[in-house]
Amino acid sequence: MAGRGGSLALGAVSLVLLLLARDVAASLDSLSSEFGQPSEYRTPNCNQYKLPGCPRDFSPVCGSDMSTYPNECTLCMKIREDGRDIKIIRSGPC
């Protein structure tokens, strides 16, 4: 019986490793496509905000400078302060 239990445990470990490898591969695929291509980045609509004040809503965006901004308006403030062209890579944190 010891031999059968050992092969059962080995089969279980093999299954776990196979599932883990599949999950890692899926995670790598999603990471590579998560930020898209630079041509897919969107330009923030800074004209809609009365700068320098911004609303306190928390709707984070990820800028092309790889910084997370609390909302689009704060990204627009950064663009205005630095004079840089920062695009929105995606909604949500970087």
C-alpha atoms as a PDB file:
ATOM      1  CA  MET A   1       0.000   0.000   0.000  1.00  0.00           C
ATOM      2  CA  ALA A   2       2.912   2.380   0.612  1.00  0.00           C
ATOM      3  CA  GLY A   3       3.753   2.312  -3.100  1.00  0.00           C
ATOM      4  CA  ARG A   4       0.206   3.174  -4.113  1.00  0.00           C
ATOM      5  CA  GLY A   5       0.011   6.073  -1.647  1.00  0.00           C
ATOM      6  CA  GLY A   6       3.331   7.413  -2.908  1.00  0.00           C
ATOM      7  CA  SER A   7       2.230   7.364  -6.533  1.00  0.00           C
ATOM      8  CA  LEU A   8      -1.070   9.004  -5.571  1.00  0.00           C
ATOM      9  CA  ALA A   9       0.830  11.781  -3.792  1.00  0.00           C
ATOM     10  CA  LEU A  10       3.167  12.141  -6.774  1.00  0.00           C
ATOM     11  CA  GLY A  11       0.161  12.416  -9.093  1.00  0.00           C
ATOM     12  CA  ALA A  12      -1.399  15.086  -6.871  1.00  0.00           C
ATOM     13  CA  VAL A  13       1.851  17.071  -6.782  1.00  0.00           C
ATOM     14  CA  SER A  14       2.162  16.797 -10.567  1.00  0.00           C
ATOM     15  CA  LEU A  15      -1.391  18.072 -11.008  1.00  0.00           C
ATOM     16  CA  VAL A  16      -0.760  21.020  -8.688  1.00  0.00           C
ATOM     17  CA  LEU A  17       2.441  21.916 -10.560  1.00  0.00           C
ATOM     18  CA  LEU A  18       0.665  21.684 -13.908  1.00  0.00           C
ATOM     19  CA  LEU A  19      -2.143  23.974 -12.726  1.00  0.00           C
ATOM     20  CA  LEU A  20       0.377  26.391 -11.239  1.00  0.00           C
ATOM     21  CA  ALA A  21       2.321  26.532 -14.518  1.00  0.00           C
ATOM     22  CA  ARG A  22      -0.904  27.219 -16.415  1.00  0.00           C
ATOM     23  CA  ASP A  23      -1.812  30.064 -14.043  1.00  0.00           C
ATOM     24  CA  VAL A  24       1.659  31.611 -14.302  1.00  0.00           C
ATOM     25  CA  ALA A  25       1.485  31.499 -18.105  1.00  0.00           C
ATOM     26  CA  ALA A  26      -1.955  33.142 -18.055  1.00  0.00           C
ATOM     27  CA  SER A  27      -0.670  35.852 -15.698  1.00  0.00           C
ATOM     28  CA  LEU A  28       2.261  36.609 -17.989  1.00  0.00           C
ATOM     29  CA  ASP A  29      -0.080  36.896 -20.974  1.00  0.00           C
ATOM     30  CA  SER A  30      -2.343  39.321 -19.132  1.00  0.00           C
ATOM     31  CA  LEU A  31       0.625  41.417 -17.963  1.00  0.00           C
ATOM     32  CA  SER A  32       1.932  41.829 -21.492  1.00  0.00           C
ATOM     33  CA  SER A  33      -1.461  42.995 -22.740  1.00  0.00           C
ATOM     34  CA  GLU A  34      -2.490  44.887 -19.589  1.00  0.00           C
ATOM     35  CA  PHE A  35      -0.998  48.228 -20.598  1.00  0.00           C
ATOM     36  CA  GLY A  36      -1.649  47.974 -24.325  1.00  0.00           C
ATOM     37  CA  GLN A  37       0.402  49.687 -27.008  1.00  0.00           C
ATOM     38  CA  PRO A  38       1.333  53.399 -26.946  1.00  0.00           C
ATOM     39  CA  SER A  39      -1.004  53.987 -29.895  1.00  0.00           C
ATOM     40  CA  GLU A  40      -3.886  52.791 -27.693  1.00  0.00           C
ATOM     41  CA  TYR A  41      -3.180  55.282 -24.885  1.00  0.00           C
ATOM     42  CA  ARG A  42      -5.767  58.005 -24.561  1.00  0.00           C
ATOM     43  CA  THR A  43      -5.274  61.716 -24.116  1.00  0.00           C
ATOM     44  CA  PRO A  44      -6.875  63.102 -20.952  1.00  0.00           C
ATOM     45  CA  ASN A  45      -9.646  65.636 -21.502  1.00  0.00           C
ATOM     46  CA  CYS A  46      -8.073  68.442 -19.481  1.00  0.00           C
ATOM     47  CA  ASN A  47     -10.416  71.123 -20.882  1.00  0.00           C
ATOM     48  CA  GLN A  48     -13.249  69.843 -18.712  1.00  0.00           C
ATOM     49  CA  TYR A  49     -11.451  70.732 -15.449  1.00  0.00           C
ATOM     50  CA  LYS A  50     -11.193  74.138 -13.821  1.00  0.00           C
ATOM     51  CA  LEU A  51      -7.560  73.888 -12.770  1.00  0.00           C
ATOM     52  CA  PRO A  52      -5.864  74.241 -10.327  1.00  0.00           C
ATOM     53  CA  GLY A  53      -8.704  72.723  -8.278  1.00  0.00           C
ATOM     54  CA  CYS A  54      -9.708  69.096  -8.759  1.00  0.00           C
ATOM     55  CA  PRO A  55     -12.655  67.096  -7.445  1.00  0.00           C
ATOM     56  CA  ARG A  56     -11.919  64.724  -4.598  1.00  0.00           C
ATOM     57  CA  ASP A  57     -13.381  61.704  -6.335  1.00  0.00           C
ATOM     58  CA  PHE A  58     -11.149  58.646  -6.338  1.00  0.00           C
ATOM     59  CA  SER A  59     -11.115  57.189  -9.816  1.00  0.00           C
ATOM     60  CA  PRO A  60      -7.444  56.332 -10.365  1.00  0.00           C
ATOM     61  CA  VAL A  61      -5.760  56.393 -13.751  1.00  0.00           C
ATOM     62  CA  CYS A  62      -2.364  55.083 -14.797  1.00  0.00           C
ATOM     63  CA  GLY A  63      -0.264  57.634 -16.670  1.00  0.00           C
ATOM     64  CA  SER A  64       2.255  56.879 -19.400  1.00  0.00           C
ATOM     65  CA  ASP A  65       4.920  58.009 -16.899  1.00  0.00           C
ATOM     66  CA  MET A  66       3.936  54.877 -14.933  1.00  0.00           C
ATOM     67  CA  SER A  67       2.524  56.963 -12.069  1.00  0.00           C
ATOM     68  CA  THR A  68      -0.915  56.363 -10.607  1.00  0.00           C
ATOM     69  CA  TYR A  69      -3.024  59.513 -10.289  1.00  0.00           C
ATOM     70  CA  PRO A  70      -6.076  59.723  -8.001  1.00  0.00           C
ATOM     71  CA  ASN A  71      -8.170  60.884 -10.972  1.00  0.00           C
ATOM     72  CA  GLU A  72      -7.869  62.339 -14.460  1.00  0.00           C
ATOM     73  CA  CYS A  73      -7.917  65.891 -13.148  1.00  0.00           C
ATOM     74  CA  THR A  74      -4.789  65.387 -11.025  1.00  0.00           C
ATOM     75  CA  LEU A  75      -3.071  63.947 -14.103  1.00  0.00           C
ATOM     76  CA  CYS A  76      -4.039  67.139 -15.956  1.00  0.00           C
ATOM     77  CA  MET A  77      -2.534  69.213 -13.138  1.00  0.00           C
ATOM     78  CA  LYS A  78       0.738  67.289 -13.488  1.00  0.00           C
ATOM     79  CA  ILE A  79       0.729  67.876 -17.254  1.00  0.00           C
ATOM     80  CA  ARG A  80       0.146  71.581 -16.675  1.00  0.00           C
ATOM     81  CA  GLU A  81       2.887  71.838 -14.030  1.00  0.00           C
ATOM     82  CA  ASP A  82       5.558  69.869 -15.901  1.00  0.00           C
ATOM     83  CA  GLY A  83       4.600  70.656 -19.495  1.00  0.00           C
ATOM     84  CA  ARG A  84       4.919  66.961 -20.363  1.00  0.00           C
ATOM     85  CA  ASP A  85       2.630  64.971 -22.630  1.00  0.00           C
ATOM     86  CA  ILE A  86       1.333  62.245 -20.311  1.00  0.00           C
ATOM     87  CA  LYS A  87      -1.279  59.892 -21.714  1.00  0.00           C
ATOM     88  CA  ILE A  88      -3.651  57.585 -19.849  1.00  0.00           C
ATOM     89  CA  ILE A  89      -2.528  53.986 -20.194  1.00  0.00           C
ATOM     90  CA  ARG A  90      -5.590  52.609 -18.445  1.00  0.00           C
ATOM     91  CA  SER A  91      -8.206  53.312 -15.826  1.00  0.00           C
ATOM     92  CA  GLY A  92      -7.129  52.030 -12.441  1.00  0.00           C
ATOM     93  CA  PRO A  93      -3.756  51.997 -10.718  1.00  0.00           C
ATOM     94  CA  CYS A  94      -0.523  51.167 -12.556  1.00  0.00           C
END
